[in-house]
N, C-alpha and C. Protein backbone atom coordinates (compact mmCIF):
# COMPACT_ATOMS: atom_id res chain seq x y z
N MET A 1 119.64 154.61 249.01
CA MET A 1 119.74 154.98 248.15
C MET A 1 119.07 154.05 246.72
N GLN A 2 118.33 154.74 246.15
CA GLN A 2 117.49 153.91 245.27
C GLN A 2 118.42 153.04 244.01
N SER A 3 117.60 151.90 243.38
CA SER A 3 118.79 151.33 242.31
C SER A 3 118.98 151.80 240.96
N GLU A 4 117.82 152.88 240.83
CA GLU A 4 118.40 154.12 239.51
C GLU A 4 118.99 154.82 240.23
N ASN A 5 119.24 155.83 241.01
CA ASN A 5 120.34 156.30 241.28
C ASN A 5 121.72 156.19 241.37
N LEU A 6 122.27 154.63 241.90
CA LEU A 6 122.66 153.69 241.77
C LEU A 6 123.31 153.51 240.81
N SER A 7 122.68 152.74 239.28
CA SER A 7 122.90 152.91 238.44
C SER A 7 123.39 153.77 237.15
N CYS A 8 122.95 155.06 237.56
CA CYS A 8 122.55 156.38 237.06
C CYS A 8 124.69 156.31 237.18
N LEU A 9 124.98 156.69 238.45
CA LEU A 9 126.41 156.63 239.52
C LEU A 9 127.82 155.39 238.69
N MET A 10 126.84 154.52 238.79
CA MET A 10 127.95 153.20 238.07
C MET A 10 128.01 153.38 236.36
N ARG A 11 127.23 154.16 235.92
CA ARG A 11 127.65 154.41 235.00
C ARG A 11 128.32 155.31 234.73
N LEU A 12 128.15 156.61 235.09
CA LEU A 12 128.85 157.90 235.41
C LEU A 12 130.50 157.53 235.09
N SER A 13 130.33 156.68 236.32
CA SER A 13 131.72 156.59 237.17
C SER A 13 132.67 155.77 235.80
N TRP A 14 131.48 154.78 235.14
CA TRP A 14 132.08 153.72 234.21
C TRP A 14 132.93 155.01 233.39
N GLU A 15 132.08 155.70 232.58
CA GLU A 15 132.97 156.37 231.54
C GLU A 15 133.87 158.13 232.26
N ILE A 16 133.73 157.90 233.57
CA ILE A 16 134.21 158.89 233.81
C ILE A 16 136.21 158.51 233.09
N GLN A 17 135.75 156.46 234.25
CA GLN A 17 136.83 155.37 234.07
C GLN A 17 137.45 155.38 233.09
N ARG A 18 136.45 155.50 231.56
CA ARG A 18 136.74 155.61 230.29
C ARG A 18 137.28 155.88 229.45
N LYS A 19 136.96 156.96 229.79
CA LYS A 19 137.90 158.45 228.80
C LYS A 19 138.80 159.27 229.38
N LYS A 20 139.87 159.37 231.03
CA LYS A 20 139.45 159.70 232.33
C LYS A 20 140.97 158.48 232.27
N LYS A 21 141.28 157.79 231.02
CA LYS A 21 141.79 156.23 232.68
C LYS A 21 142.29 156.62 233.68
N CYS A 22 141.82 156.22 234.64
CA CYS A 22 142.14 156.31 235.87
C CYS A 22 141.60 155.09 236.45
N SER A 23 141.90 154.69 237.56
CA SER A 23 141.19 153.82 238.22
C SER A 23 140.04 153.27 238.31
N ARG A 24 139.42 152.46 239.21
CA ARG A 24 138.31 152.26 239.13
C ARG A 24 137.67 152.89 240.27
N ALA A 25 138.58 153.28 241.74
CA ALA A 25 137.44 153.50 242.97
C ALA A 25 138.05 155.55 242.55
N LYS A 26 138.88 156.41 242.19
CA LYS A 26 138.83 157.54 241.55
C LYS A 26 137.62 157.33 240.95
N SER A 27 138.05 156.92 240.13
CA SER A 27 136.24 157.43 239.11
C SER A 27 135.52 157.29 239.62
N LEU A 28 134.79 156.31 240.93
CA LEU A 28 133.98 155.94 242.02
C LEU A 28 133.64 157.39 242.23
N ARG A 29 134.69 157.74 243.28
CA ARG A 29 134.70 158.69 243.78
C ARG A 29 134.43 160.46 243.84
N ALA A 30 134.88 160.05 241.91
CA ALA A 30 134.10 161.90 241.55
C ALA A 30 133.18 161.32 240.70
N ALA A 31 132.45 159.98 240.34
CA ALA A 31 130.86 160.12 240.35
C ALA A 31 130.48 160.47 241.71
N TRP A 32 130.56 160.07 242.36
CA TRP A 32 130.29 160.47 243.40
C TRP A 32 129.82 161.98 244.46
N ALA A 33 131.04 162.44 243.46
CA ALA A 33 130.93 163.76 243.93
C ALA A 33 130.29 164.68 243.10
N ILE A 34 130.36 164.16 241.64
CA ILE A 34 129.33 165.52 241.18
C ILE A 34 128.12 165.21 240.94
N THR A 35 127.91 163.69 241.19
CA THR A 35 126.22 163.19 241.68
C THR A 35 125.92 164.37 242.98
N LEU A 36 127.11 164.04 243.71
CA LEU A 36 126.40 165.07 245.32
C LEU A 36 126.07 166.23 245.17
N ASN A 37 126.67 166.89 244.35
CA ASN A 37 126.88 168.60 243.55
C ASN A 37 126.58 168.33 242.79
N GLU A 38 125.28 167.96 242.14
CA GLU A 38 124.94 167.94 240.55
C GLU A 38 124.63 169.48 240.61
N ASP A 39 123.74 170.58 241.84
CA ASP A 39 123.20 171.16 241.32
C ASP A 39 124.66 172.50 241.32
N ILE A 40 125.56 172.06 241.52
CA ILE A 40 126.48 173.27 241.25
C ILE A 40 127.12 172.82 240.35
N THR A 41 127.18 171.38 239.52
CA THR A 41 127.93 171.41 239.11
C THR A 41 127.56 171.84 237.55
N ILE A 42 126.46 171.65 237.44
CA ILE A 42 125.46 172.05 236.69
C ILE A 42 125.81 173.13 236.13
N TYR A 43 125.41 174.69 237.09
CA TYR A 43 125.36 175.72 236.93
C TYR A 43 127.49 176.12 236.60
N TYR A 44 128.08 175.41 236.72
CA TYR A 44 129.51 175.32 236.88
C TYR A 44 129.39 175.24 235.08
N LEU A 45 129.35 174.68 234.60
CA LEU A 45 129.41 173.71 233.52
C LEU A 45 129.20 174.78 232.39
N VAL A 46 127.72 175.55 233.11
CA VAL A 46 126.55 176.56 231.72
C VAL A 46 127.50 176.98 231.38
N LYS A 47 127.83 178.40 233.04
CA LYS A 47 128.10 179.01 232.76
C LYS A 47 129.88 179.04 232.37
N ARG A 48 130.55 178.31 232.21
CA ARG A 48 131.86 177.64 231.65
C ARG A 48 132.32 177.80 230.46
N HIS A 49 131.06 177.41 229.91
CA HIS A 49 130.87 176.96 228.39
C HIS A 49 129.17 177.64 227.61
N SER A 50 129.21 178.81 228.25
CA SER A 50 128.09 180.17 227.66
C SER A 50 129.15 181.34 226.80
N HIS A 51 128.32 181.67 226.18
CA HIS A 51 129.26 183.06 225.92
C HIS A 51 128.21 184.01 226.34
N SER A 52 129.14 184.91 226.76
CA SER A 52 128.63 186.27 227.22
C SER A 52 128.42 187.41 226.17
N PHE A 53 128.16 187.07 224.54
CA PHE A 53 128.03 187.93 223.45
C PHE A 53 126.07 187.19 223.95
N TYR A 54 125.88 186.58 223.70
CA TYR A 54 124.70 186.00 223.54
C TYR A 54 123.97 185.13 224.66
N PRO A 55 122.68 185.77 224.78
CA PRO A 55 121.98 184.84 226.67
C PRO A 55 121.57 182.86 226.16
N ASN A 56 121.73 182.46 227.05
CA ASN A 56 121.95 181.37 226.92
C ASN A 56 120.44 180.38 226.95
N LYS A 57 119.95 179.83 226.04
CA LYS A 57 119.08 178.84 225.30
C LYS A 57 117.92 178.58 226.59
N ILE A 58 119.00 178.08 227.07
CA ILE A 58 118.44 176.96 228.49
C ILE A 58 118.29 178.30 230.00
N GLN A 59 117.48 177.73 230.57
CA GLN A 59 117.39 178.46 232.22
C GLN A 59 117.79 177.73 233.15
N LEU A 60 119.12 178.51 233.44
CA LEU A 60 119.91 177.59 234.74
C LEU A 60 118.78 177.15 235.26
N SER A 61 117.23 177.60 235.64
CA SER A 61 116.49 176.84 237.29
C SER A 61 116.22 175.77 236.58
N ASP A 62 116.36 175.38 235.28
CA ASP A 62 115.62 174.13 234.07
C ASP A 62 116.52 172.92 234.25
N LEU A 63 117.89 173.19 234.54
CA LEU A 63 118.77 172.55 234.53
C LEU A 63 118.91 171.11 236.29
N THR A 64 118.48 169.22 234.81
CA THR A 64 119.31 168.61 235.89
C THR A 64 120.40 168.22 235.10
N LEU A 65 121.32 167.15 236.22
CA LEU A 65 121.99 166.49 236.35
C LEU A 65 121.56 164.73 234.99
N PHE A 66 120.52 164.32 235.67
CA PHE A 66 120.44 163.04 235.16
C PHE A 66 118.62 163.47 234.98
N SER A 67 118.36 162.85 233.98
CA SER A 67 116.00 163.99 234.10
C SER A 67 115.42 162.37 234.42
N ASN A 68 114.50 162.79 235.12
CA ASN A 68 113.12 161.77 236.03
C ASN A 68 112.51 161.60 235.01
N GLN A 69 112.99 160.28 234.62
CA GLN A 69 111.60 160.24 233.39
C GLN A 69 110.56 158.90 233.87
């Protein structure tokens, strides 16, 4: 795995650990699951937080979990 992917994974797990107040191992497993299923996760979050009264401003095909800059 590339070092930038690992750093994103670690940053995400630290954020989960800090916000959810869970163990390091549990937050790392959650971050790993999120990154492995990022296309499903992003789609689910956009659908969950979108309203049915107006269309999304963002196309679902343009969404990514981590931007490749």
